[in-house]
Amino acid sequence: MKRIVLLIVIVLLAAIVIKGPDSLIGLAKMSRSASDNGGSLPNVTGKATGVTGKKVLVAYFSWGGNTREVAKLIHSKTGGDLFEIKKETPYPKEYKPTTDVGKQEREQDARPKLKGPLPDMKQYDVIVLGYPIWWYIEPMPVKTFVEAQDLSGKTILPFATSGGSGIEGSVADLRKTLPKSQVKDGLLANMTSGIDRWLKENGLTK
């Protein structure tokens, strides 16, 4: 038994010698990278290239989970990357306190700090942007997100989930916020029946 253990140790040492110090440096870099990101990779999944060859990012903000489910459905159809926009200091779990905070942020035209890191937006052609409607427009963390990097020339496809308000107010607000981007007409995605047509019309599915 001792001979077997000794043989294993010798083989491992030989492997390190053959590969050289870079193998240890690489391991250290990997460990450091995971530590810097809280033990996981940045909040981006998939590959940037979507099913039609465009570089696509499906980015969304979700409080109650409805927008998250729609975003995942859209991502399953378009391919590309999927990213969740998260506020550094989360909103309350209860509905009424959250609406109060959201209203205050809108009245103050606030830009809440986000939980980073954010994806590099330069690599994408199209950003499918999802959010609930809060006080007739997109939540303010979404404005923080779209203003964080230069989106000039990018195509923005907004979709929203809402209990009653339409998406038109948020689309108009995004066009004002992003005058150098092409902000398309949005989709109110409370029902999934219109998603396929909307994605195909905008060249994201075949």
N, C-alpha and C. Protein backbone atom coordinates (compact mmCIF):
# COMPACT_ATOMS: atom_id res chain seq x y z
N MET A 1 0.84 -1.20 0.00
CA MET A 1 0.00 0.00 0.00
C MET A 1 0.87 1.26 0.00
N LYS A 2 1.94 1.24 0.85
CA LYS A 2 2.83 2.40 0.92
C LYS A 2 3.53 2.62 -0.41
N ARG A 3 3.87 1.51 -1.09
CA ARG A 3 4.54 1.64 -2.39
C ARG A 3 3.62 2.30 -3.41
N ILE A 4 2.32 1.97 -3.38
CA ILE A 4 1.34 2.55 -4.31
C ILE A 4 1.21 4.06 -4.08
N VAL A 5 1.11 4.46 -2.81
CA VAL A 5 1.01 5.88 -2.47
C VAL A 5 2.25 6.62 -2.93
N LEU A 6 3.45 6.02 -2.68
CA LEU A 6 4.70 6.63 -3.08
C LEU A 6 4.77 6.80 -4.59
N LEU A 7 4.29 5.80 -5.34
CA LEU A 7 4.30 5.85 -6.80
C LEU A 7 3.41 6.99 -7.30
N ILE A 8 2.23 7.15 -6.68
CA ILE A 8 1.31 8.22 -7.08
C ILE A 8 1.96 9.58 -6.87
N VAL A 9 2.63 9.76 -5.72
CA VAL A 9 3.30 11.03 -5.41
C VAL A 9 4.38 11.32 -6.44
N ILE A 10 5.16 10.30 -6.80
CA ILE A 10 6.23 10.49 -7.78
C ILE A 10 5.67 10.90 -9.13
N VAL A 11 4.57 10.27 -9.55
CA VAL A 11 3.94 10.60 -10.85
C VAL A 11 3.44 12.04 -10.85
N LEU A 12 2.83 12.47 -9.77
CA LEU A 12 2.32 13.84 -9.68
C LEU A 12 3.45 14.86 -9.73
N LEU A 13 4.53 14.59 -9.01
CA LEU A 13 5.68 15.49 -9.02
C LEU A 13 6.30 15.55 -10.40
N ALA A 14 6.35 14.44 -11.08
CA ALA A 14 6.91 14.41 -12.43
C ALA A 14 6.05 15.24 -13.38
N ALA A 15 4.74 15.17 -13.22
CA ALA A 15 3.84 15.94 -14.08
C ALA A 15 4.06 17.43 -13.90
N ILE A 16 4.27 17.86 -12.65
CA ILE A 16 4.49 19.28 -12.38
C ILE A 16 5.81 19.74 -12.99
N VAL A 17 6.85 18.88 -12.88
CA VAL A 17 8.15 19.23 -13.43
C VAL A 17 8.07 19.36 -14.94
N ILE A 18 7.36 18.41 -15.60
CA ILE A 18 7.25 18.42 -17.06
C ILE A 18 6.49 19.66 -17.53
N LYS A 19 5.38 20.01 -16.86
CA LYS A 19 4.57 21.14 -17.28
C LYS A 19 5.21 22.47 -16.91
N GLY A 20 6.06 22.44 -15.89
CA GLY A 20 6.74 23.67 -15.50
C GLY A 20 5.88 24.52 -14.59
N PRO A 21 6.43 25.68 -14.17
CA PRO A 21 5.76 26.53 -13.20
C PRO A 21 4.49 27.16 -13.72
N ASP A 22 4.31 27.25 -15.07
CA ASP A 22 3.11 27.89 -15.62
C ASP A 22 1.84 27.19 -15.16
N SER A 23 1.92 25.86 -14.96
CA SER A 23 0.73 25.13 -14.54
C SER A 23 0.30 25.59 -13.15
N LEU A 24 1.27 25.87 -12.27
CA LEU A 24 0.94 26.36 -10.93
C LEU A 24 0.45 27.79 -10.99
N ILE A 25 1.07 28.61 -11.85
CA ILE A 25 0.64 30.00 -12.00
C ILE A 25 -0.79 30.05 -12.52
N GLY A 26 -1.07 29.18 -13.51
CA GLY A 26 -2.42 29.13 -14.07
C GLY A 26 -3.45 28.77 -13.02
N LEU A 27 -3.09 27.81 -12.15
CA LEU A 27 -3.99 27.40 -11.08
C LEU A 27 -4.24 28.55 -10.12
N ALA A 28 -3.18 29.29 -9.81
CA ALA A 28 -3.31 30.43 -8.90
C ALA A 28 -4.20 31.49 -9.52
N LYS A 29 -4.01 31.73 -10.84
CA LYS A 29 -4.83 32.74 -11.53
C LYS A 29 -6.30 32.34 -11.52
N MET A 30 -6.57 31.05 -11.76
CA MET A 30 -7.95 30.56 -11.75
C MET A 30 -8.58 30.75 -10.39
N SER A 31 -7.83 30.41 -9.33
CA SER A 31 -8.35 30.56 -7.98
C SER A 31 -8.62 32.02 -7.65
N ARG A 32 -7.68 32.90 -8.08
CA ARG A 32 -7.83 34.32 -7.79
C ARG A 32 -9.03 34.87 -8.55
N SER A 33 -9.22 34.45 -9.81
CA SER A 33 -10.34 34.93 -10.61
C SER A 33 -11.67 34.55 -9.98
N ALA A 34 -11.76 33.29 -9.52
CA ALA A 34 -13.01 32.84 -8.90
C ALA A 34 -13.28 33.62 -7.63
N SER A 35 -12.20 33.91 -6.86
CA SER A 35 -12.37 34.66 -5.63
C SER A 35 -12.83 36.08 -5.91
N ASP A 36 -12.27 36.71 -6.96
CA ASP A 36 -12.63 38.08 -7.29
C ASP A 36 -14.09 38.19 -7.70
N ASN A 37 -14.66 37.12 -8.22
CA ASN A 37 -16.04 37.14 -8.67
C ASN A 37 -16.98 36.44 -7.71
N GLY A 38 -16.58 36.39 -6.45
CA GLY A 38 -17.45 35.79 -5.45
C GLY A 38 -17.58 34.29 -5.60
N GLY A 39 -16.56 33.66 -6.21
CA GLY A 39 -16.59 32.21 -6.34
C GLY A 39 -17.29 31.73 -7.60
N SER A 40 -17.71 32.65 -8.48
CA SER A 40 -18.38 32.23 -9.70
C SER A 40 -18.01 33.19 -10.82
N LEU A 41 -18.31 32.79 -12.05
CA LEU A 41 -18.05 33.64 -13.19
C LEU A 41 -19.05 34.78 -13.21
N PRO A 42 -18.76 35.88 -13.97
CA PRO A 42 -19.73 36.97 -14.10
C PRO A 42 -21.08 36.46 -14.57
N ASN A 43 -22.13 37.22 -14.29
CA ASN A 43 -23.51 36.80 -14.51
C ASN A 43 -23.90 36.85 -15.98
N VAL A 44 -23.13 36.15 -16.82
CA VAL A 44 -23.42 36.05 -18.25
C VAL A 44 -23.37 34.58 -18.63
N THR A 45 -24.36 34.12 -19.36
CA THR A 45 -24.40 32.72 -19.77
C THR A 45 -24.55 32.61 -21.27
N GLY A 46 -24.18 31.46 -21.81
CA GLY A 46 -24.37 31.23 -23.23
C GLY A 46 -23.23 31.79 -24.07
N LYS A 47 -23.47 31.96 -25.37
CA LYS A 47 -22.50 32.51 -26.30
C LYS A 47 -23.12 33.73 -26.96
N ALA A 48 -22.29 34.73 -27.27
CA ALA A 48 -22.80 35.99 -27.77
C ALA A 48 -23.56 35.83 -29.09
N THR A 49 -23.11 34.93 -29.96
CA THR A 49 -23.74 34.78 -31.26
C THR A 49 -25.07 34.05 -31.15
N GLY A 50 -26.14 34.72 -31.62
CA GLY A 50 -27.47 34.13 -31.57
C GLY A 50 -27.73 33.21 -32.74
N VAL A 51 -28.94 32.71 -32.83
CA VAL A 51 -29.28 31.70 -33.84
C VAL A 51 -29.27 32.26 -35.25
N THR A 52 -29.40 33.58 -35.43
CA THR A 52 -29.37 34.16 -36.77
C THR A 52 -28.02 34.79 -37.10
N GLY A 53 -27.03 34.58 -36.25
CA GLY A 53 -25.69 35.08 -36.51
C GLY A 53 -25.39 36.44 -35.91
N LYS A 54 -26.40 37.11 -35.35
CA LYS A 54 -26.17 38.40 -34.71
C LYS A 54 -25.64 38.18 -33.29
N LYS A 55 -24.88 39.16 -32.81
CA LYS A 55 -24.40 39.12 -31.43
C LYS A 55 -25.51 39.67 -30.53
N VAL A 56 -26.08 38.81 -29.71
CA VAL A 56 -27.30 39.15 -28.97
C VAL A 56 -27.07 39.05 -27.46
N LEU A 57 -27.57 40.05 -26.74
CA LEU A 57 -27.62 40.00 -25.29
C LEU A 57 -29.07 40.17 -24.85
N VAL A 58 -29.57 39.21 -24.07
CA VAL A 58 -30.87 39.35 -23.43
C VAL A 58 -30.58 39.80 -22.00
N ALA A 59 -30.85 41.07 -21.71
CA ALA A 59 -30.60 41.64 -20.39
C ALA A 59 -31.94 41.99 -19.75
N TYR A 60 -32.08 41.71 -18.47
CA TYR A 60 -33.38 41.94 -17.85
C TYR A 60 -33.22 42.32 -16.38
N PHE A 61 -34.21 43.08 -15.91
CA PHE A 61 -34.36 43.35 -14.49
C PHE A 61 -35.67 42.73 -14.05
N SER A 62 -35.64 42.00 -12.94
CA SER A 62 -36.86 41.34 -12.45
C SER A 62 -36.94 41.46 -10.95
N TRP A 63 -38.11 41.83 -10.46
CA TRP A 63 -38.31 41.89 -9.00
C TRP A 63 -39.08 40.67 -8.52
N GLY A 64 -40.24 40.41 -9.10
CA GLY A 64 -41.08 39.30 -8.64
C GLY A 64 -40.83 37.98 -9.35
N GLY A 65 -40.05 38.00 -10.45
CA GLY A 65 -39.73 36.77 -11.17
C GLY A 65 -40.41 36.63 -12.52
N ASN A 66 -41.46 37.40 -12.79
CA ASN A 66 -42.17 37.27 -14.07
C ASN A 66 -41.27 37.64 -15.25
N THR A 67 -40.58 38.77 -15.13
CA THR A 67 -39.71 39.20 -16.23
C THR A 67 -38.57 38.21 -16.44
N ARG A 68 -38.08 37.63 -15.35
CA ARG A 68 -37.00 36.64 -15.46
C ARG A 68 -37.45 35.44 -16.30
N GLU A 69 -38.66 34.96 -16.06
CA GLU A 69 -39.16 33.80 -16.81
C GLU A 69 -39.31 34.12 -18.29
N VAL A 70 -39.82 35.30 -18.60
CA VAL A 70 -39.98 35.70 -20.00
C VAL A 70 -38.61 35.85 -20.65
N ALA A 71 -37.65 36.44 -19.93
CA ALA A 71 -36.30 36.61 -20.47
C ALA A 71 -35.66 35.27 -20.79
N LYS A 72 -35.83 34.31 -19.92
CA LYS A 72 -35.27 32.98 -20.16
C LYS A 72 -35.92 32.32 -21.38
N LEU A 73 -37.22 32.53 -21.54
CA LEU A 73 -37.91 31.99 -22.71
C LEU A 73 -37.38 32.63 -23.98
N ILE A 74 -37.24 33.95 -23.97
CA ILE A 74 -36.70 34.64 -25.15
C ILE A 74 -35.29 34.18 -25.45
N HIS A 75 -34.47 34.05 -24.41
CA HIS A 75 -33.09 33.60 -24.61
C HIS A 75 -33.04 32.20 -25.20
N SER A 76 -33.96 31.34 -24.81
CA SER A 76 -33.98 29.97 -25.35
C SER A 76 -34.30 29.97 -26.84
N LYS A 77 -34.95 31.03 -27.32
CA LYS A 77 -35.31 31.12 -28.74
C LYS A 77 -34.26 31.86 -29.56
N THR A 78 -33.62 32.87 -28.96
CA THR A 78 -32.68 33.70 -29.71
C THR A 78 -31.24 33.23 -29.62
N GLY A 79 -30.88 32.53 -28.53
CA GLY A 79 -29.48 32.25 -28.27
C GLY A 79 -28.81 33.52 -27.78
N GLY A 80 -27.49 33.59 -27.89
CA GLY A 80 -26.75 34.75 -27.39
C GLY A 80 -26.48 34.63 -25.90
N ASP A 81 -26.28 35.76 -25.26
CA ASP A 81 -25.98 35.80 -23.83
C ASP A 81 -27.21 36.22 -23.03
N LEU A 82 -27.23 35.83 -21.77
CA LEU A 82 -28.31 36.17 -20.85
C LEU A 82 -27.71 36.83 -19.62
N PHE A 83 -28.23 38.01 -19.25
CA PHE A 83 -27.68 38.75 -18.12
C PHE A 83 -28.80 39.33 -17.27
N GLU A 84 -28.71 39.15 -15.95
CA GLU A 84 -29.69 39.73 -15.04
C GLU A 84 -29.13 40.99 -14.42
N ILE A 85 -29.87 42.09 -14.57
CA ILE A 85 -29.53 43.37 -13.97
C ILE A 85 -29.96 43.33 -12.51
N LYS A 86 -29.02 43.52 -11.60
CA LYS A 86 -29.33 43.46 -10.18
C LYS A 86 -28.89 44.74 -9.48
N LYS A 87 -29.75 45.25 -8.63
CA LYS A 87 -29.41 46.42 -7.82
C LYS A 87 -28.49 45.99 -6.68
N GLU A 88 -27.48 46.81 -6.41
CA GLU A 88 -26.53 46.45 -5.35
C GLU A 88 -27.24 46.31 -4.01
N THR A 89 -28.11 47.26 -3.69
CA THR A 89 -28.93 47.16 -2.48
C THR A 89 -30.32 46.71 -2.92
N PRO A 90 -30.70 45.46 -2.67
CA PRO A 90 -31.95 44.93 -3.21
C PRO A 90 -33.17 45.71 -2.72
N TYR A 91 -34.22 45.66 -3.53
CA TYR A 91 -35.49 46.25 -3.12
C TYR A 91 -36.10 45.38 -2.02
N PRO A 92 -37.04 45.96 -1.24
CA PRO A 92 -37.73 45.14 -0.23
C PRO A 92 -38.44 43.95 -0.87
N LYS A 93 -38.68 42.93 -0.10
CA LYS A 93 -39.39 41.74 -0.61
C LYS A 93 -40.89 41.97 -0.70
N GLU A 94 -41.40 42.93 0.07
CA GLU A 94 -42.83 43.21 0.06
C GLU A 94 -43.17 44.19 -1.06
N TYR A 95 -44.38 44.03 -1.63
CA TYR A 95 -44.78 44.80 -2.81
C TYR A 95 -44.89 46.30 -2.52
N LYS A 96 -45.65 46.68 -1.50
CA LYS A 96 -45.89 48.11 -1.24
C LYS A 96 -44.61 48.88 -0.94
N PRO A 97 -43.75 48.40 -0.03
CA PRO A 97 -42.50 49.13 0.19
C PRO A 97 -41.66 49.26 -1.08
N THR A 98 -41.69 48.24 -1.95
CA THR A 98 -40.93 48.30 -3.19
C THR A 98 -41.48 49.39 -4.11
N THR A 99 -42.81 49.48 -4.21
CA THR A 99 -43.40 50.53 -5.06
C THR A 99 -43.06 51.91 -4.52
N ASP A 100 -42.99 52.04 -3.20
CA ASP A 100 -42.63 53.33 -2.60
C ASP A 100 -41.20 53.72 -2.95
N VAL A 101 -40.28 52.76 -2.86
CA VAL A 101 -38.88 53.03 -3.20
C VAL A 101 -38.76 53.35 -4.69
N GLY A 102 -39.46 52.55 -5.52
CA GLY A 102 -39.42 52.79 -6.96
C GLY A 102 -39.94 54.16 -7.35
N LYS A 103 -41.01 54.59 -6.69
CA LYS A 103 -41.58 55.91 -6.96
C LYS A 103 -40.60 57.01 -6.56
N GLN A 104 -39.98 56.86 -5.39
CA GLN A 104 -39.02 57.85 -4.92
C GLN A 104 -37.83 57.95 -5.88
N GLU A 105 -37.34 56.81 -6.36
CA GLU A 105 -36.21 56.81 -7.29
C GLU A 105 -36.57 57.52 -8.59
N ARG A 106 -37.80 57.31 -9.05
CA ARG A 106 -38.20 57.97 -10.29
C ARG A 106 -38.33 59.47 -10.09
N GLU A 107 -38.94 59.88 -8.99
CA GLU A 107 -39.10 61.31 -8.72
C GLU A 107 -37.76 62.01 -8.59
N GLN A 108 -36.77 61.30 -8.07
CA GLN A 108 -35.43 61.87 -7.90
C GLN A 108 -34.54 61.67 -9.13
N ASP A 109 -35.07 60.98 -10.16
CA ASP A 109 -34.30 60.62 -11.35
C ASP A 109 -32.99 59.93 -10.94
N ALA A 110 -33.12 59.00 -10.01
CA ALA A 110 -31.95 58.33 -9.42
C ALA A 110 -31.35 57.31 -10.38
N ARG A 111 -30.10 57.00 -10.13
CA ARG A 111 -29.40 55.93 -10.86
C ARG A 111 -28.83 54.97 -9.81
N PRO A 112 -29.64 54.01 -9.36
CA PRO A 112 -29.17 53.09 -8.31
C PRO A 112 -27.93 52.32 -8.76
N LYS A 113 -27.02 52.10 -7.84
CA LYS A 113 -25.81 51.34 -8.14
C LYS A 113 -26.15 49.88 -8.36
N LEU A 114 -25.51 49.29 -9.38
CA LEU A 114 -25.80 47.91 -9.74
C LEU A 114 -24.78 46.96 -9.13
N LYS A 115 -25.20 45.73 -8.98
CA LYS A 115 -24.32 44.66 -8.55
C LYS A 115 -23.55 44.19 -9.78
N GLY A 116 -22.26 44.48 -9.79
CA GLY A 116 -21.43 44.22 -10.99
C GLY A 116 -20.77 42.89 -10.91
N PRO A 117 -19.95 42.47 -11.85
CA PRO A 117 -19.55 43.21 -13.04
C PRO A 117 -20.62 43.18 -14.13
N LEU A 118 -20.55 44.15 -15.05
CA LEU A 118 -21.46 44.21 -16.18
C LEU A 118 -20.79 43.63 -17.42
N PRO A 119 -21.59 43.12 -18.34
CA PRO A 119 -20.99 42.59 -19.58
C PRO A 119 -20.41 43.72 -20.43
N ASP A 120 -19.45 43.37 -21.27
CA ASP A 120 -18.86 44.33 -22.20
C ASP A 120 -19.84 44.50 -23.37
N MET A 121 -20.49 45.65 -23.45
CA MET A 121 -21.55 45.85 -24.43
C MET A 121 -21.03 46.03 -25.85
N LYS A 122 -19.74 46.28 -26.00
CA LYS A 122 -19.19 46.50 -27.34
C LYS A 122 -19.35 45.28 -28.24
N GLN A 123 -19.43 44.12 -27.66
CA GLN A 123 -19.45 42.89 -28.46
C GLN A 123 -20.83 42.57 -29.04
N TYR A 124 -21.88 43.29 -28.65
CA TYR A 124 -23.23 42.93 -29.07
C TYR A 124 -23.78 43.86 -30.15
N ASP A 125 -24.56 43.26 -31.05
CA ASP A 125 -25.29 44.03 -32.07
C ASP A 125 -26.67 44.43 -31.56
N VAL A 126 -27.31 43.50 -30.84
CA VAL A 126 -28.69 43.68 -30.40
C VAL A 126 -28.78 43.41 -28.90
N ILE A 127 -29.48 44.30 -28.19
CA ILE A 127 -29.74 44.09 -26.77
C ILE A 127 -31.25 43.98 -26.58
N VAL A 128 -31.70 42.79 -26.20
CA VAL A 128 -33.10 42.58 -25.86
C VAL A 128 -33.23 42.92 -24.38
N LEU A 129 -34.00 43.96 -24.09
CA LEU A 129 -34.00 44.55 -22.75
C LEU A 129 -35.36 44.36 -22.08
N GLY A 130 -35.38 43.62 -20.97
CA GLY A 130 -36.63 43.30 -20.31
C GLY A 130 -36.74 43.91 -18.92
N TYR A 131 -37.96 44.25 -18.53
CA TYR A 131 -38.21 44.87 -17.23
C TYR A 131 -39.71 44.91 -16.95
N PRO A 132 -40.09 45.06 -15.68
CA PRO A 132 -41.48 45.37 -15.36
C PRO A 132 -41.72 46.87 -15.56
N ILE A 133 -42.96 47.27 -15.69
CA ILE A 133 -43.30 48.68 -15.77
C ILE A 133 -43.55 49.21 -14.36
N TRP A 134 -42.75 50.18 -13.96
CA TRP A 134 -42.91 50.82 -12.65
C TRP A 134 -43.20 52.30 -12.86
N TRP A 135 -44.36 52.72 -12.41
CA TRP A 135 -44.73 54.13 -12.55
C TRP A 135 -44.60 54.58 -14.00
N TYR A 136 -45.13 53.73 -14.88
CA TYR A 136 -45.30 54.01 -16.33
C TYR A 136 -44.03 53.93 -17.16
N ILE A 137 -42.86 53.71 -16.53
CA ILE A 137 -41.63 53.57 -17.31
C ILE A 137 -40.82 52.39 -16.75
N GLU A 138 -39.64 52.20 -17.28
CA GLU A 138 -38.74 51.14 -16.79
C GLU A 138 -38.20 51.51 -15.41
N PRO A 139 -37.91 50.52 -14.56
CA PRO A 139 -37.29 50.81 -13.26
C PRO A 139 -35.94 51.50 -13.43
N MET A 140 -35.59 52.32 -12.47
CA MET A 140 -34.38 53.13 -12.59
C MET A 140 -33.08 52.32 -12.69
N PRO A 141 -32.97 51.11 -12.11
CA PRO A 141 -31.74 50.33 -12.34
C PRO A 141 -31.52 50.02 -13.82
N VAL A 142 -32.59 49.96 -14.60
CA VAL A 142 -32.44 49.72 -16.04
C VAL A 142 -31.77 50.93 -16.69
N LYS A 143 -32.12 52.14 -16.22
CA LYS A 143 -31.48 53.33 -16.75
C LYS A 143 -29.99 53.36 -16.37
N THR A 144 -29.69 52.93 -15.15
CA THR A 144 -28.28 52.82 -14.76
C THR A 144 -27.54 51.91 -15.73
N PHE A 145 -28.15 50.79 -16.06
CA PHE A 145 -27.53 49.78 -16.93
C PHE A 145 -27.28 50.33 -18.33
N VAL A 146 -28.28 50.96 -18.95
CA VAL A 146 -28.12 51.39 -20.35
C VAL A 146 -27.21 52.61 -20.46
N GLU A 147 -27.02 53.34 -19.36
CA GLU A 147 -26.13 54.49 -19.39
C GLU A 147 -24.70 54.15 -18.96
N ALA A 148 -24.49 52.92 -18.53
CA ALA A 148 -23.17 52.54 -18.00
C ALA A 148 -22.11 52.46 -19.09
N GLN A 149 -22.53 52.17 -20.34
CA GLN A 149 -21.59 52.04 -21.45
C GLN A 149 -22.18 52.73 -22.68
N ASP A 150 -21.33 52.97 -23.66
CA ASP A 150 -21.78 53.63 -24.88
C ASP A 150 -22.54 52.62 -25.75
N LEU A 151 -23.83 52.89 -25.96
CA LEU A 151 -24.65 51.99 -26.77
C LEU A 151 -24.97 52.61 -28.14
N SER A 152 -24.17 53.56 -28.57
CA SER A 152 -24.37 54.19 -29.87
C SER A 152 -24.36 53.13 -30.98
N GLY A 153 -25.37 53.21 -31.84
CA GLY A 153 -25.45 52.28 -32.97
C GLY A 153 -26.03 50.93 -32.63
N LYS A 154 -26.27 50.64 -31.36
CA LYS A 154 -26.84 49.35 -30.96
C LYS A 154 -28.35 49.34 -31.20
N THR A 155 -28.88 48.17 -31.50
CA THR A 155 -30.33 47.99 -31.59
C THR A 155 -30.84 47.53 -30.24
N ILE A 156 -31.83 48.24 -29.72
CA ILE A 156 -32.42 47.91 -28.42
C ILE A 156 -33.85 47.44 -28.66
N LEU A 157 -34.15 46.23 -28.21
CA LEU A 157 -35.50 45.67 -28.33
C LEU A 157 -36.08 45.53 -26.93
N PRO A 158 -36.96 46.45 -26.51
CA PRO A 158 -37.50 46.38 -25.15
C PRO A 158 -38.70 45.41 -25.08
N PHE A 159 -38.79 44.71 -23.97
CA PHE A 159 -40.02 43.97 -23.65
C PHE A 159 -40.31 44.18 -22.18
N ALA A 160 -41.59 44.14 -21.84
CA ALA A 160 -41.97 44.45 -20.47
C ALA A 160 -43.08 43.52 -19.99
N THR A 161 -43.12 43.33 -18.69
CA THR A 161 -44.24 42.66 -18.04
C THR A 161 -44.93 43.69 -17.17
N SER A 162 -46.23 43.68 -17.16
CA SER A 162 -46.97 44.73 -16.45
C SER A 162 -48.34 44.23 -16.06
N GLY A 163 -48.82 44.73 -14.92
CA GLY A 163 -50.16 44.39 -14.48
C GLY A 163 -51.23 45.21 -15.15
N GLY A 164 -50.88 46.30 -15.81
CA GLY A 164 -51.90 47.14 -16.41
C GLY A 164 -51.36 48.19 -17.36
N SER A 165 -50.21 48.76 -17.04
CA SER A 165 -49.65 49.83 -17.87
C SER A 165 -49.08 49.27 -19.16
N GLY A 166 -49.12 50.08 -20.22
CA GLY A 166 -48.52 49.70 -21.49
C GLY A 166 -47.02 49.95 -21.48
N ILE A 167 -46.37 49.58 -22.59
CA ILE A 167 -44.92 49.70 -22.69
C ILE A 167 -44.51 51.00 -23.38
N GLU A 168 -45.47 51.71 -23.96
CA GLU A 168 -45.13 52.87 -24.79
C GLU A 168 -44.34 53.93 -24.02
N GLY A 169 -44.72 54.19 -22.77
CA GLY A 169 -44.03 55.21 -21.98
C GLY A 169 -42.57 54.88 -21.76
N SER A 170 -42.28 53.61 -21.50
CA SER A 170 -40.89 53.21 -21.27
C SER A 170 -40.09 53.25 -22.56
N VAL A 171 -40.71 52.92 -23.70
CA VAL A 171 -40.01 52.99 -24.98
C VAL A 171 -39.64 54.43 -25.30
N ALA A 172 -40.59 55.33 -25.09
CA ALA A 172 -40.31 56.75 -25.32
C ALA A 172 -39.19 57.25 -24.41
N ASP A 173 -39.20 56.78 -23.16
CA ASP A 173 -38.16 57.19 -22.21
C ASP A 173 -36.80 56.65 -22.62
N LEU A 174 -36.75 55.40 -23.10
CA LEU A 174 -35.49 54.81 -23.54
C LEU A 174 -34.95 55.54 -24.78
N ARG A 175 -35.86 55.94 -25.68
CA ARG A 175 -35.42 56.69 -26.86
C ARG A 175 -34.83 58.04 -26.47
N LYS A 176 -35.38 58.65 -25.45
CA LYS A 176 -34.84 59.91 -24.95
C LYS A 176 -33.49 59.69 -24.27
N THR A 177 -33.38 58.59 -23.52
CA THR A 177 -32.14 58.28 -22.81
C THR A 177 -31.03 57.86 -23.77
N LEU A 178 -31.41 57.17 -24.86
CA LEU A 178 -30.43 56.60 -25.81
C LEU A 178 -30.67 57.16 -27.21
N PRO A 179 -30.43 58.44 -27.43
CA PRO A 179 -30.73 59.04 -28.74
C PRO A 179 -29.87 58.50 -29.88
N LYS A 180 -28.72 57.91 -29.54
CA LYS A 180 -27.83 57.39 -30.59
C LYS A 180 -28.00 55.89 -30.81
N SER A 181 -28.96 55.30 -30.12
CA SER A 181 -29.27 53.87 -30.32
C SER A 181 -30.57 53.75 -31.10
N GLN A 182 -30.78 52.60 -31.70
CA GLN A 182 -32.03 52.33 -32.41
C GLN A 182 -32.95 51.56 -31.48
N VAL A 183 -33.81 52.28 -30.78
CA VAL A 183 -34.75 51.66 -29.85
C VAL A 183 -36.01 51.31 -30.61
N LYS A 184 -36.27 50.02 -30.79
CA LYS A 184 -37.42 49.55 -31.56
C LYS A 184 -38.68 49.59 -30.70
N ASP A 185 -39.83 49.44 -31.37
CA ASP A 185 -41.09 49.32 -30.64
C ASP A 185 -41.04 48.11 -29.73
N GLY A 186 -41.56 48.26 -28.54
CA GLY A 186 -41.44 47.20 -27.55
C GLY A 186 -42.58 46.20 -27.60
N LEU A 187 -42.43 45.16 -26.81
CA LEU A 187 -43.44 44.11 -26.69
C LEU A 187 -43.87 44.01 -25.24
N LEU A 188 -45.17 44.12 -25.00
CA LEU A 188 -45.72 43.86 -23.68
C LEU A 188 -45.95 42.36 -23.59
N ALA A 189 -45.09 41.69 -22.83
CA ALA A 189 -45.02 40.22 -22.88
C ALA A 189 -45.78 39.56 -21.75
N ASN A 190 -46.96 40.05 -21.43
CA ASN A 190 -47.77 39.38 -20.42
C ASN A 190 -48.30 38.05 -20.94
N MET A 191 -48.44 37.94 -22.25
CA MET A 191 -48.83 36.69 -22.89
C MET A 191 -47.70 36.27 -23.82
N THR A 192 -47.42 34.99 -23.87
CA THR A 192 -46.28 34.52 -24.66
C THR A 192 -46.62 34.34 -26.14
N SER A 193 -47.87 34.55 -26.52
CA SER A 193 -48.28 34.26 -27.89
C SER A 193 -47.63 35.18 -28.91
N GLY A 194 -47.28 36.42 -28.54
CA GLY A 194 -46.72 37.35 -29.50
C GLY A 194 -45.21 37.34 -29.57
N ILE A 195 -44.54 36.58 -28.73
CA ILE A 195 -43.08 36.63 -28.66
C ILE A 195 -42.44 36.11 -29.94
N ASP A 196 -42.91 34.98 -30.44
CA ASP A 196 -42.29 34.38 -31.64
C ASP A 196 -42.36 35.34 -32.83
N ARG A 197 -43.52 35.94 -33.05
CA ARG A 197 -43.66 36.86 -34.17
C ARG A 197 -42.76 38.08 -34.00
N TRP A 198 -42.72 38.62 -32.79
CA TRP A 198 -41.91 39.81 -32.50
C TRP A 198 -40.43 39.54 -32.75
N LEU A 199 -39.94 38.40 -32.29
CA LEU A 199 -38.54 38.05 -32.48
C LEU A 199 -38.21 37.83 -33.96
N LYS A 200 -39.12 37.19 -34.68
CA LYS A 200 -38.88 36.93 -36.10
C LYS A 200 -38.89 38.23 -36.89
N GLU A 201 -39.84 39.12 -36.57
CA GLU A 201 -39.92 40.41 -37.26
C GLU A 201 -38.64 41.23 -37.06
N ASN A 202 -37.99 41.04 -35.95
CA ASN A 202 -36.78 41.79 -35.65
C ASN A 202 -35.49 41.01 -35.97
N GLY A 203 -35.64 39.92 -36.69
CA GLY A 203 -34.48 39.20 -37.21
C GLY A 203 -33.69 38.40 -36.20
N LEU A 204 -34.32 37.99 -35.09
CA LEU A 204 -33.60 37.26 -34.07
C LEU A 204 -33.90 35.76 -34.09
N THR A 205 -34.92 35.37 -34.84
CA THR A 205 -35.20 33.94 -35.02
C THR A 205 -35.49 33.69 -36.49
N LYS A 206 -35.39 32.44 -36.88
CA LYS A 206 -35.60 32.08 -38.29
C LYS A 206 -37.05 31.69 -38.53
